[in-house]
Amino acid sequence: MEHTLRQILDKLDKMEANMTTKQELEEIKANMATKQELAEIKAELEKVKDHMATKPDFMLVQQAVLETNEIVKKLESKIDTHEKLLTLLSHRSLEHEAAISSIRFILAK
């Protein structure tokens, strides 16, 4: 009997911990959309859906944008590689200039 009561009390404690307060319910209610607002949103979505269905160009533009995005990503990757290569070549060029200057200095003596 005591074990059963303990189980019931535990379940009640869990239920109470998960219950929403009156203030929380009022906040939820204040943030909820009305049936009218939902109907307006649904009507707007239907308009967009109809518009997209009647505009096959939209799909072509969307495909072109996606393809362009892929090309831009590839170009960015190549640009990064080229920048690294240019930096390396710059350093080598400076090293060569320094070596040539050293040789000229030695030859000028």
C-alpha atoms as a PDB file:
ATOM      1  CA  MET A   1       0.000   0.000   0.000  1.00  0.00           C
ATOM      2  CA  GLU A   2       2.758   2.459   0.973  1.00  0.00           C
ATOM      3  CA  HIS A   3       4.676   1.525  -2.187  1.00  0.00           C
ATOM      4  CA  THR A   4       1.613   2.270  -4.329  1.00  0.00           C
ATOM      5  CA  LEU A   5       1.111   5.628  -2.618  1.00  0.00           C
ATOM      6  CA  ARG A   6       4.782   6.484  -3.193  1.00  0.00           C
ATOM      7  CA  GLN A   7       4.384   5.653  -6.910  1.00  0.00           C
ATOM      8  CA  ILE A   8       1.281   7.831  -7.147  1.00  0.00           C
ATOM      9  CA  LEU A   9       3.052  10.710  -5.385  1.00  0.00           C
ATOM     10  CA  ASP A  10       6.052  10.347  -7.704  1.00  0.00           C
ATOM     11  CA  LYS A  11       3.793  10.455 -10.743  1.00  0.00           C
ATOM     12  CA  LEU A  12       2.016  13.510  -9.355  1.00  0.00           C
ATOM     13  CA  ASP A  13       5.358  15.214  -8.733  1.00  0.00           C
ATOM     14  CA  LYS A  14       6.408  14.517 -12.324  1.00  0.00           C
ATOM     15  CA  MET A  15       3.096  15.819 -13.643  1.00  0.00           C
ATOM     16  CA  GLU A  16       3.375  18.942 -11.520  1.00  0.00           C
ATOM     17  CA  ALA A  17       6.933  19.560 -12.721  1.00  0.00           C
ATOM     18  CA  ASN A  18       5.768  19.377 -16.339  1.00  0.00           C
ATOM     19  CA  MET A  19       2.638  21.479 -15.870  1.00  0.00           C
ATOM     20  CA  THR A  20       2.454  24.914 -17.429  1.00  0.00           C
ATOM     21  CA  THR A  21       1.733  27.863 -15.173  1.00  0.00           C
ATOM     22  CA  LYS A  22      -1.212  30.187 -15.763  1.00  0.00           C
ATOM     23  CA  GLN A  23       1.215  32.961 -16.759  1.00  0.00           C
ATOM     24  CA  GLU A  24       2.896  30.689 -19.289  1.00  0.00           C
ATOM     25  CA  LEU A  25      -0.513  29.738 -20.705  1.00  0.00           C
ATOM     26  CA  GLU A  26      -1.439  33.423 -21.021  1.00  0.00           C
ATOM     27  CA  GLU A  27       1.860  34.115 -22.831  1.00  0.00           C
ATOM     28  CA  ILE A  28       1.230  31.213 -25.189  1.00  0.00           C
ATOM     29  CA  LYS A  29      -2.311  32.402 -25.825  1.00  0.00           C
ATOM     30  CA  ALA A  30      -1.070  35.941 -26.511  1.00  0.00           C
ATOM     31  CA  ASN A  31       1.427  34.629 -29.071  1.00  0.00           C
ATOM     32  CA  MET A  32      -0.966  32.272 -30.814  1.00  0.00           C
ATOM     33  CA  ALA A  33      -2.291  33.136 -34.240  1.00  0.00           C
ATOM     34  CA  THR A  34      -6.022  33.582 -34.614  1.00  0.00           C
ATOM     35  CA  LYS A  35      -8.089  31.498 -37.015  1.00  0.00           C
ATOM     36  CA  GLN A  36      -8.346  34.586 -39.227  1.00  0.00           C
ATOM     37  CA  GLU A  37      -4.555  35.023 -39.262  1.00  0.00           C
ATOM     38  CA  LEU A  38      -4.067  31.350 -40.098  1.00  0.00           C
ATOM     39  CA  ALA A  39      -6.598  31.632 -42.926  1.00  0.00           C
ATOM     40  CA  GLU A  40      -4.749  34.688 -44.290  1.00  0.00           C
ATOM     41  CA  ILE A  41      -1.414  32.862 -44.134  1.00  0.00           C
ATOM     42  CA  LYS A  42      -2.926  29.857 -45.881  1.00  0.00           C
ATOM     43  CA  ALA A  43      -4.376  32.102 -48.607  1.00  0.00           C
ATOM     44  CA  GLU A  44      -0.971  33.765 -49.118  1.00  0.00           C
ATOM     45  CA  LEU A  45       0.727  30.375 -49.386  1.00  0.00           C
ATOM     46  CA  GLU A  46      -1.821  29.304 -51.989  1.00  0.00           C
ATOM     47  CA  LYS A  47      -1.124  32.482 -53.988  1.00  0.00           C
ATOM     48  CA  VAL A  48       2.610  31.795 -53.879  1.00  0.00           C
ATOM     49  CA  LYS A  49       2.036  28.180 -54.859  1.00  0.00           C
ATOM     50  CA  ASP A  50      -0.168  29.209 -57.791  1.00  0.00           C
ATOM     51  CA  HIS A  51       2.330  31.866 -58.837  1.00  0.00           C
ATOM     52  CA  MET A  52       5.176  29.373 -58.825  1.00  0.00           C
ATOM     53  CA  ALA A  53       3.130  26.850 -60.791  1.00  0.00           C
ATOM     54  CA  THR A  54       2.342  29.410 -63.490  1.00  0.00           C
ATOM     55  CA  LYS A  55       5.906  30.659 -63.712  1.00  0.00           C
ATOM     56  CA  PRO A  56       8.151  27.946 -65.173  1.00  0.00           C
ATOM     57  CA  ASP A  57      10.800  30.639 -65.519  1.00  0.00           C
ATOM     58  CA  PHE A  58      11.038  30.658 -61.732  1.00  0.00           C
ATOM     59  CA  MET A  59      12.367  27.113 -61.787  1.00  0.00           C
ATOM     60  CA  LEU A  60      14.869  28.009 -64.500  1.00  0.00           C
ATOM     61  CA  VAL A  61      16.073  31.015 -62.528  1.00  0.00           C
ATOM     62  CA  GLN A  62      16.321  28.919 -59.380  1.00  0.00           C
ATOM     63  CA  GLN A  63      18.376  26.291 -61.243  1.00  0.00           C
ATOM     64  CA  ALA A  64      20.616  28.984 -62.711  1.00  0.00           C
ATOM     65  CA  VAL A  65      21.179  30.465 -59.260  1.00  0.00           C
ATOM     66  CA  LEU A  66      22.143  27.076 -57.857  1.00  0.00           C
ATOM     67  CA  GLU A  67      24.536  26.415 -60.732  1.00  0.00           C
ATOM     68  CA  THR A  68      26.047  29.882 -60.374  1.00  0.00           C
ATOM     69  CA  ASN A  69      26.495  29.282 -56.660  1.00  0.00           C
ATOM     70  CA  GLU A  70      28.430  26.074 -57.381  1.00  0.00           C
ATOM     71  CA  ILE A  71      30.632  27.867 -59.908  1.00  0.00           C
ATOM     72  CA  VAL A  72      31.345  30.682 -57.435  1.00  0.00           C
ATOM     73  CA  LYS A  73      32.341  28.159 -54.775  1.00  0.00           C
ATOM     74  CA  LYS A  74      34.734  26.458 -57.200  1.00  0.00           C
ATOM     75  CA  LEU A  75      36.213  29.818 -58.200  1.00  0.00           C
ATOM     76  CA  GLU A  76      36.670  30.808 -54.554  1.00  0.00           C
ATOM     77  CA  SER A  77      38.526  27.576 -53.945  1.00  0.00           C
ATOM     78  CA  LYS A  78      40.779  28.174 -56.947  1.00  0.00           C
ATOM     79  CA  ILE A  79      41.378  31.786 -55.895  1.00  0.00           C
ATOM     80  CA  ASP A  80      42.467  30.603 -52.441  1.00  0.00           C
ATOM     81  CA  THR A  81      44.895  28.165 -54.055  1.00  0.00           C
ATOM     82  CA  HIS A  82      46.231  30.855 -56.377  1.00  0.00           C
ATOM     83  CA  GLU A  83      46.696  33.301 -53.498  1.00  0.00           C
ATOM     84  CA  LYS A  84      48.743  30.727 -51.603  1.00  0.00           C
ATOM     85  CA  LEU A  85      50.823  30.048 -54.707  1.00  0.00           C
ATOM     86  CA  LEU A  86      51.391  33.784 -55.315  1.00  0.00           C
ATOM     87  CA  THR A  87      52.505  34.234 -51.711  1.00  0.00           C
ATOM     88  CA  LEU A  88      54.970  31.381 -52.070  1.00  0.00           C
ATOM     89  CA  LEU A  89      56.288  32.769 -55.346  1.00  0.00           C
ATOM     90  CA  SER A  90      56.645  36.226 -53.769  1.00  0.00           C
ATOM     91  CA  HIS A  91      58.768  34.815 -50.984  1.00  0.00           C
ATOM     92  CA  ARG A  92      60.947  32.936 -53.462  1.00  0.00           C
ATOM     93  CA  SER A  93      61.341  36.063 -55.576  1.00  0.00           C
ATOM     94  CA  LEU A  94      62.458  38.045 -52.518  1.00  0.00           C
ATOM     95  CA  GLU A  95      64.923  35.306 -51.603  1.00  0.00           C
ATOM     96  CA  HIS A  96      66.327  35.343 -55.147  1.00  0.00           C
ATOM     97  CA  GLU A  97      66.621  39.143 -55.110  1.00  0.00           C
ATOM     98  CA  ALA A  98      68.511  38.957 -51.820  1.00  0.00           C
ATOM     99  CA  ALA A  99      70.835  36.287 -53.201  1.00  0.00           C
ATOM    100  CA  ILE A 100      71.481  38.328 -56.370  1.00  0.00           C
ATOM    101  CA  SER A 101      72.206  41.415 -54.259  1.00  0.00           C
ATOM    102  CA  SER A 102      74.672  39.411 -52.187  1.00  0.00           C
ATOM    103  CA  ILE A 103      76.411  38.136 -55.319  1.00  0.00           C
ATOM    104  CA  ARG A 104      76.591  41.632 -56.804  1.00  0.00           C
ATOM    105  CA  PHE A 105      78.006  42.953 -53.539  1.00  0.00           C
ATOM    106  CA  ILE A 106      80.698  40.245 -53.545  1.00  0.00           C
ATOM    107  CA  LEU A 107      81.522  40.846 -57.235  1.00  0.00           C
ATOM    108  CA  ALA A 108      81.735  44.609 -56.682  1.00  0.00           C
ATOM    109  CA  LYS A 109      84.596  44.193 -54.139  1.00  0.00           C
END
